[in-house]
Amino acid sequence: MATTQNTIDFLLDQLGSAGDISTKMMFGEYCLYLAGKPVGLVCDDQLYLKPTQAGKSKIATVVEGSPYPGAKPHLLITADQWEDAEWLCDLVQATARELPLPKPKTKKPKP
């Protein structure tokens, strides 16, 4: 089951005050970015954030899950937790602060 556009629209609305938040479709699902940093995935209408100590400290009961088969465990943020926009923004910002910037992609020279 793929993530619906309604789910993405709701999450982007809830995360609007977090900063430069965006998504990019990848393989039928979505990657969630804050200021250009990939902070999580939205798969099957569920939010998975990259596991960080800062993120775990913001969650009362940490639940982990894999966004797709073979993926490393991520923090599963349940839909009922999305309702608290202020908390959700704080969680995503804390996660982003602890993550490194993505490595710049290098272009392969043409032969």
N, C-alpha and C. Protein backbone atom coordinates (compact mmCIF):
# COMPACT_ATOMS: atom_id res chain seq x y z
N MET A 1 0.85 -1.18 0.00
CA MET A 1 0.00 0.00 0.00
C MET A 1 0.89 1.24 0.00
N ALA A 2 0.75 2.07 -0.96
CA ALA A 2 1.56 3.28 -1.08
C ALA A 2 0.97 4.40 -0.22
N THR A 3 1.82 5.34 0.13
CA THR A 3 1.40 6.50 0.90
C THR A 3 0.51 7.39 0.04
N THR A 4 -0.55 7.90 0.64
CA THR A 4 -1.47 8.77 -0.10
C THR A 4 -0.99 10.22 -0.04
N GLN A 5 -1.42 10.99 -1.01
CA GLN A 5 -1.08 12.41 -1.04
C GLN A 5 -1.69 13.14 0.16
N ASN A 6 -2.85 12.68 0.62
CA ASN A 6 -3.48 13.29 1.80
C ASN A 6 -2.59 13.18 3.03
N THR A 7 -1.92 12.05 3.18
CA THR A 7 -1.00 11.85 4.31
C THR A 7 0.16 12.84 4.23
N ILE A 8 0.75 12.95 3.05
CA ILE A 8 1.88 13.88 2.86
C ILE A 8 1.44 15.31 3.11
N ASP A 9 0.28 15.69 2.57
CA ASP A 9 -0.22 17.05 2.76
C ASP A 9 -0.43 17.35 4.25
N PHE A 10 -1.00 16.39 4.99
CA PHE A 10 -1.24 16.59 6.41
C PHE A 10 0.08 16.74 7.17
N LEU A 11 1.04 15.87 6.90
CA LEU A 11 2.34 15.95 7.58
C LEU A 11 3.05 17.27 7.27
N LEU A 12 3.03 17.68 6.01
CA LEU A 12 3.69 18.94 5.65
C LEU A 12 3.01 20.12 6.33
N ASP A 13 1.69 20.05 6.47
CA ASP A 13 0.96 21.11 7.17
C ASP A 13 1.33 21.13 8.65
N GLN A 14 1.37 19.96 9.28
CA GLN A 14 1.73 19.86 10.70
C GLN A 14 3.17 20.32 10.95
N LEU A 15 4.06 20.08 9.99
CA LEU A 15 5.47 20.41 10.15
C LEU A 15 5.83 21.79 9.56
N GLY A 16 4.84 22.55 9.18
CA GLY A 16 5.07 23.83 8.53
C GLY A 16 5.94 24.80 9.32
N SER A 17 5.83 24.79 10.65
CA SER A 17 6.63 25.74 11.45
C SER A 17 7.99 25.16 11.85
N ALA A 18 8.32 23.96 11.37
CA ALA A 18 9.62 23.36 11.69
C ALA A 18 10.76 23.99 10.90
N GLY A 19 10.44 24.60 9.79
CA GLY A 19 11.46 25.19 8.92
C GLY A 19 11.23 24.77 7.49
N ASP A 20 12.32 24.65 6.75
CA ASP A 20 12.27 24.31 5.33
C ASP A 20 12.01 22.81 5.16
N ILE A 21 10.74 22.41 5.30
CA ILE A 21 10.36 21.00 5.24
C ILE A 21 9.89 20.65 3.83
N SER A 22 10.28 19.49 3.36
CA SER A 22 9.87 19.06 2.03
C SER A 22 9.88 17.53 1.95
N THR A 23 9.30 17.02 0.89
CA THR A 23 9.32 15.58 0.63
C THR A 23 9.73 15.35 -0.81
N LYS A 24 10.23 14.17 -1.05
CA LYS A 24 10.59 13.77 -2.40
C LYS A 24 10.12 12.33 -2.58
N MET A 25 9.40 12.09 -3.67
CA MET A 25 8.92 10.74 -3.92
C MET A 25 10.07 9.85 -4.36
N MET A 26 10.13 8.67 -3.74
CA MET A 26 11.17 7.70 -4.07
C MET A 26 10.56 6.31 -4.04
N PHE A 27 10.56 5.64 -5.15
CA PHE A 27 10.08 4.27 -5.24
C PHE A 27 8.65 4.12 -4.73
N GLY A 28 7.81 5.10 -5.01
CA GLY A 28 6.41 5.04 -4.61
C GLY A 28 6.14 5.51 -3.20
N GLU A 29 7.18 5.81 -2.44
CA GLU A 29 7.04 6.32 -1.08
C GLU A 29 7.76 7.67 -1.00
N TYR A 30 7.95 8.23 0.18
CA TYR A 30 8.48 9.57 0.32
C TYR A 30 9.64 9.64 1.31
N CYS A 31 10.60 10.49 0.98
CA CYS A 31 11.66 10.84 1.91
C CYS A 31 11.32 12.23 2.45
N LEU A 32 11.47 12.42 3.75
CA LEU A 32 11.16 13.69 4.41
C LEU A 32 12.46 14.43 4.69
N TYR A 33 12.50 15.70 4.29
CA TYR A 33 13.71 16.52 4.44
C TYR A 33 13.41 17.75 5.30
N LEU A 34 14.38 18.14 6.10
CA LEU A 34 14.35 19.41 6.80
C LEU A 34 15.62 20.15 6.43
N ALA A 35 15.47 21.28 5.79
CA ALA A 35 16.60 22.10 5.34
C ALA A 35 17.59 21.27 4.51
N GLY A 36 17.07 20.42 3.66
CA GLY A 36 17.91 19.63 2.77
C GLY A 36 18.46 18.36 3.38
N LYS A 37 18.25 18.14 4.68
CA LYS A 37 18.72 16.91 5.34
C LYS A 37 17.61 15.88 5.34
N PRO A 38 17.91 14.67 4.89
CA PRO A 38 16.89 13.62 4.99
C PRO A 38 16.74 13.19 6.46
N VAL A 39 15.55 13.37 7.00
CA VAL A 39 15.32 13.05 8.42
C VAL A 39 14.45 11.82 8.61
N GLY A 40 13.75 11.41 7.57
CA GLY A 40 12.88 10.26 7.74
C GLY A 40 12.23 9.84 6.44
N LEU A 41 11.36 8.87 6.57
CA LEU A 41 10.63 8.30 5.44
C LEU A 41 9.15 8.23 5.80
N VAL A 42 8.32 8.36 4.78
CA VAL A 42 6.89 8.13 4.94
C VAL A 42 6.57 6.97 4.02
N CYS A 43 6.25 5.83 4.62
CA CYS A 43 5.98 4.60 3.87
C CYS A 43 4.68 3.99 4.38
N ASP A 44 3.83 3.61 3.47
CA ASP A 44 2.53 3.01 3.82
C ASP A 44 1.77 3.88 4.82
N ASP A 45 1.78 5.18 4.58
CA ASP A 45 1.08 6.16 5.41
C ASP A 45 1.57 6.17 6.87
N GLN A 46 2.84 5.80 7.08
CA GLN A 46 3.43 5.84 8.41
C GLN A 46 4.72 6.65 8.37
N LEU A 47 5.00 7.37 9.45
CA LEU A 47 6.19 8.21 9.53
C LEU A 47 7.28 7.48 10.29
N TYR A 48 8.43 7.38 9.65
CA TYR A 48 9.62 6.75 10.25
C TYR A 48 10.73 7.80 10.27
N LEU A 49 11.23 8.14 11.45
CA LEU A 49 12.34 9.09 11.55
C LEU A 49 13.64 8.33 11.79
N LYS A 50 14.73 8.89 11.30
CA LYS A 50 16.03 8.29 11.55
C LYS A 50 16.28 8.29 13.06
N PRO A 51 16.81 7.20 13.57
CA PRO A 51 17.01 7.12 15.02
C PRO A 51 18.19 7.97 15.49
N THR A 52 17.91 8.87 16.40
CA THR A 52 18.95 9.70 17.02
C THR A 52 18.67 9.74 18.52
N GLN A 53 19.69 10.02 19.30
CA GLN A 53 19.51 10.15 20.75
C GLN A 53 18.57 11.31 21.05
N ALA A 54 18.74 12.41 20.34
CA ALA A 54 17.89 13.58 20.57
C ALA A 54 16.43 13.24 20.28
N GLY A 55 16.19 12.51 19.20
CA GLY A 55 14.83 12.12 18.86
C GLY A 55 14.23 11.19 19.90
N LYS A 56 15.00 10.20 20.31
CA LYS A 56 14.51 9.24 21.31
C LYS A 56 14.18 9.94 22.63
N SER A 57 14.94 10.98 22.98
CA SER A 57 14.70 11.67 24.24
C SER A 57 13.38 12.46 24.23
N LYS A 58 12.83 12.72 23.07
CA LYS A 58 11.58 13.48 22.94
C LYS A 58 10.35 12.57 22.95
N ILE A 59 10.56 11.26 22.89
CA ILE A 59 9.45 10.31 22.78
C ILE A 59 9.28 9.57 24.10
N ALA A 60 8.05 9.57 24.63
CA ALA A 60 7.79 8.90 25.91
C ALA A 60 8.02 7.40 25.81
N THR A 61 7.45 6.76 24.80
CA THR A 61 7.63 5.33 24.58
C THR A 61 8.17 5.15 23.17
N VAL A 62 9.44 4.80 23.07
CA VAL A 62 10.09 4.64 21.76
C VAL A 62 9.61 3.34 21.12
N VAL A 63 9.12 3.48 19.89
CA VAL A 63 8.72 2.33 19.08
C VAL A 63 9.54 2.38 17.80
N GLU A 64 10.17 1.26 17.48
CA GLU A 64 10.95 1.20 16.25
C GLU A 64 10.27 0.30 15.25
N GLY A 65 10.54 0.58 13.98
CA GLY A 65 10.00 -0.24 12.91
C GLY A 65 10.83 -0.03 11.67
N SER A 66 10.66 -0.90 10.72
CA SER A 66 11.38 -0.78 9.45
C SER A 66 10.42 -0.25 8.38
N PRO A 67 10.81 0.81 7.70
CA PRO A 67 9.92 1.38 6.69
C PRO A 67 9.69 0.47 5.49
N TYR A 68 10.63 -0.44 5.25
CA TYR A 68 10.49 -1.40 4.15
C TYR A 68 11.38 -2.60 4.48
N PRO A 69 11.11 -3.74 3.87
CA PRO A 69 11.91 -4.93 4.18
C PRO A 69 13.40 -4.71 3.94
N GLY A 70 14.20 -5.07 4.91
CA GLY A 70 15.64 -4.93 4.80
C GLY A 70 16.18 -3.60 5.29
N ALA A 71 15.31 -2.67 5.64
CA ALA A 71 15.75 -1.35 6.11
C ALA A 71 16.20 -1.43 7.56
N LYS A 72 17.11 -0.53 7.94
CA LYS A 72 17.52 -0.42 9.33
C LYS A 72 16.31 0.10 10.13
N PRO A 73 16.24 -0.24 11.42
CA PRO A 73 15.13 0.25 12.24
C PRO A 73 15.13 1.78 12.32
N HIS A 74 13.95 2.34 12.27
CA HIS A 74 13.71 3.77 12.41
C HIS A 74 12.75 3.98 13.58
N LEU A 75 12.63 5.21 14.02
CA LEU A 75 11.65 5.54 15.05
C LEU A 75 10.28 5.64 14.37
N LEU A 76 9.33 4.85 14.80
CA LEU A 76 7.99 4.87 14.24
C LEU A 76 7.17 5.90 15.01
N ILE A 77 6.72 6.91 14.30
CA ILE A 77 5.91 7.97 14.90
C ILE A 77 4.47 7.71 14.46
N THR A 78 3.64 7.29 15.40
CA THR A 78 2.28 6.89 15.06
C THR A 78 1.40 8.08 14.69
N ALA A 79 0.36 7.80 13.93
CA ALA A 79 -0.51 8.85 13.42
C ALA A 79 -1.14 9.69 14.53
N ASP A 80 -1.45 9.09 15.67
CA ASP A 80 -2.03 9.88 16.76
C ASP A 80 -1.03 10.89 17.32
N GLN A 81 0.26 10.62 17.17
CA GLN A 81 1.30 11.56 17.63
C GLN A 81 1.43 12.75 16.67
N TRP A 82 0.97 12.61 15.45
CA TRP A 82 1.07 13.69 14.47
C TRP A 82 0.18 14.87 14.83
N GLU A 83 -0.84 14.63 15.64
CA GLU A 83 -1.81 15.68 15.98
C GLU A 83 -1.16 16.84 16.74
N ASP A 84 -0.14 16.56 17.53
CA ASP A 84 0.54 17.60 18.30
C ASP A 84 1.64 18.21 17.42
N ALA A 85 1.25 19.21 16.64
CA ALA A 85 2.16 19.81 15.66
C ALA A 85 3.41 20.40 16.31
N GLU A 86 3.27 21.04 17.46
CA GLU A 86 4.42 21.64 18.13
C GLU A 86 5.44 20.57 18.54
N TRP A 87 4.95 19.48 19.12
CA TRP A 87 5.83 18.38 19.52
C TRP A 87 6.48 17.74 18.30
N LEU A 88 5.69 17.53 17.25
CA LEU A 88 6.21 16.90 16.03
C LEU A 88 7.31 17.76 15.40
N CYS A 89 7.10 19.06 15.35
CA CYS A 89 8.12 19.97 14.81
C CYS A 89 9.40 19.91 15.65
N ASP A 90 9.23 19.92 16.97
CA ASP A 90 10.37 19.84 17.88
C ASP A 90 11.14 18.54 17.68
N LEU A 91 10.42 17.43 17.51
CA LEU A 91 11.03 16.12 17.30
C LEU A 91 11.83 16.09 16.00
N VAL A 92 11.24 16.59 14.93
CA VAL A 92 11.93 16.58 13.63
C VAL A 92 13.14 17.51 13.65
N GLN A 93 13.03 18.67 14.29
CA GLN A 93 14.17 19.58 14.39
C GLN A 93 15.30 18.96 15.21
N ALA A 94 14.96 18.32 16.32
CA ALA A 94 15.99 17.67 17.16
C ALA A 94 16.69 16.56 16.38
N THR A 95 15.92 15.80 15.62
CA THR A 95 16.49 14.74 14.80
C THR A 95 17.45 15.33 13.77
N ALA A 96 17.02 16.38 13.08
CA ALA A 96 17.85 17.00 12.03
C ALA A 96 19.15 17.57 12.59
N ARG A 97 19.08 18.17 13.77
CA ARG A 97 20.30 18.75 14.37
C ARG A 97 21.38 17.70 14.60
N GLU A 98 20.98 16.49 14.88
CA GLU A 98 21.94 15.44 15.20
C GLU A 98 22.47 14.71 13.95
N LEU A 99 21.80 14.89 12.83
CA LEU A 99 22.21 14.19 11.61
C LEU A 99 23.21 15.02 10.80
N PRO A 100 24.15 14.35 10.14
CA PRO A 100 25.10 15.09 9.29
C PRO A 100 24.42 15.54 7.99
N LEU A 101 25.02 16.51 7.36
CA LEU A 101 24.54 16.93 6.05
C LEU A 101 24.79 15.80 5.05
N PRO A 102 23.94 15.66 4.05
CA PRO A 102 24.19 14.61 3.06
C PRO A 102 25.47 14.91 2.29
N LYS A 103 26.15 13.84 1.90
CA LYS A 103 27.37 14.01 1.12
C LYS A 103 27.01 14.52 -0.27
N PRO A 104 27.80 15.48 -0.78
CA PRO A 104 27.51 15.97 -2.13
C PRO A 104 27.73 14.87 -3.16
N LYS A 105 26.84 14.84 -4.12
CA LYS A 105 26.97 13.84 -5.18
C LYS A 105 28.02 14.31 -6.17
N THR A 106 28.86 13.39 -6.57
CA THR A 106 29.87 13.73 -7.57
C THR A 106 29.47 13.13 -8.91
N LYS A 107 29.71 13.89 -9.94
CA LYS A 107 29.39 13.40 -11.28
C LYS A 107 30.56 12.61 -11.81
N LYS A 108 30.23 11.51 -12.41
CA LYS A 108 31.28 10.69 -13.02
C LYS A 108 31.74 11.34 -14.31
N PRO A 109 33.04 11.40 -14.52
CA PRO A 109 33.53 12.00 -15.77
C PRO A 109 33.14 11.12 -16.97
N LYS A 110 32.83 11.79 -18.04
CA LYS A 110 32.46 11.07 -19.25
C LYS A 110 33.74 10.53 -19.92
N PRO A 111 33.68 9.30 -20.40
CA PRO A 111 34.88 8.71 -21.02
C PRO A 111 35.20 9.35 -22.35
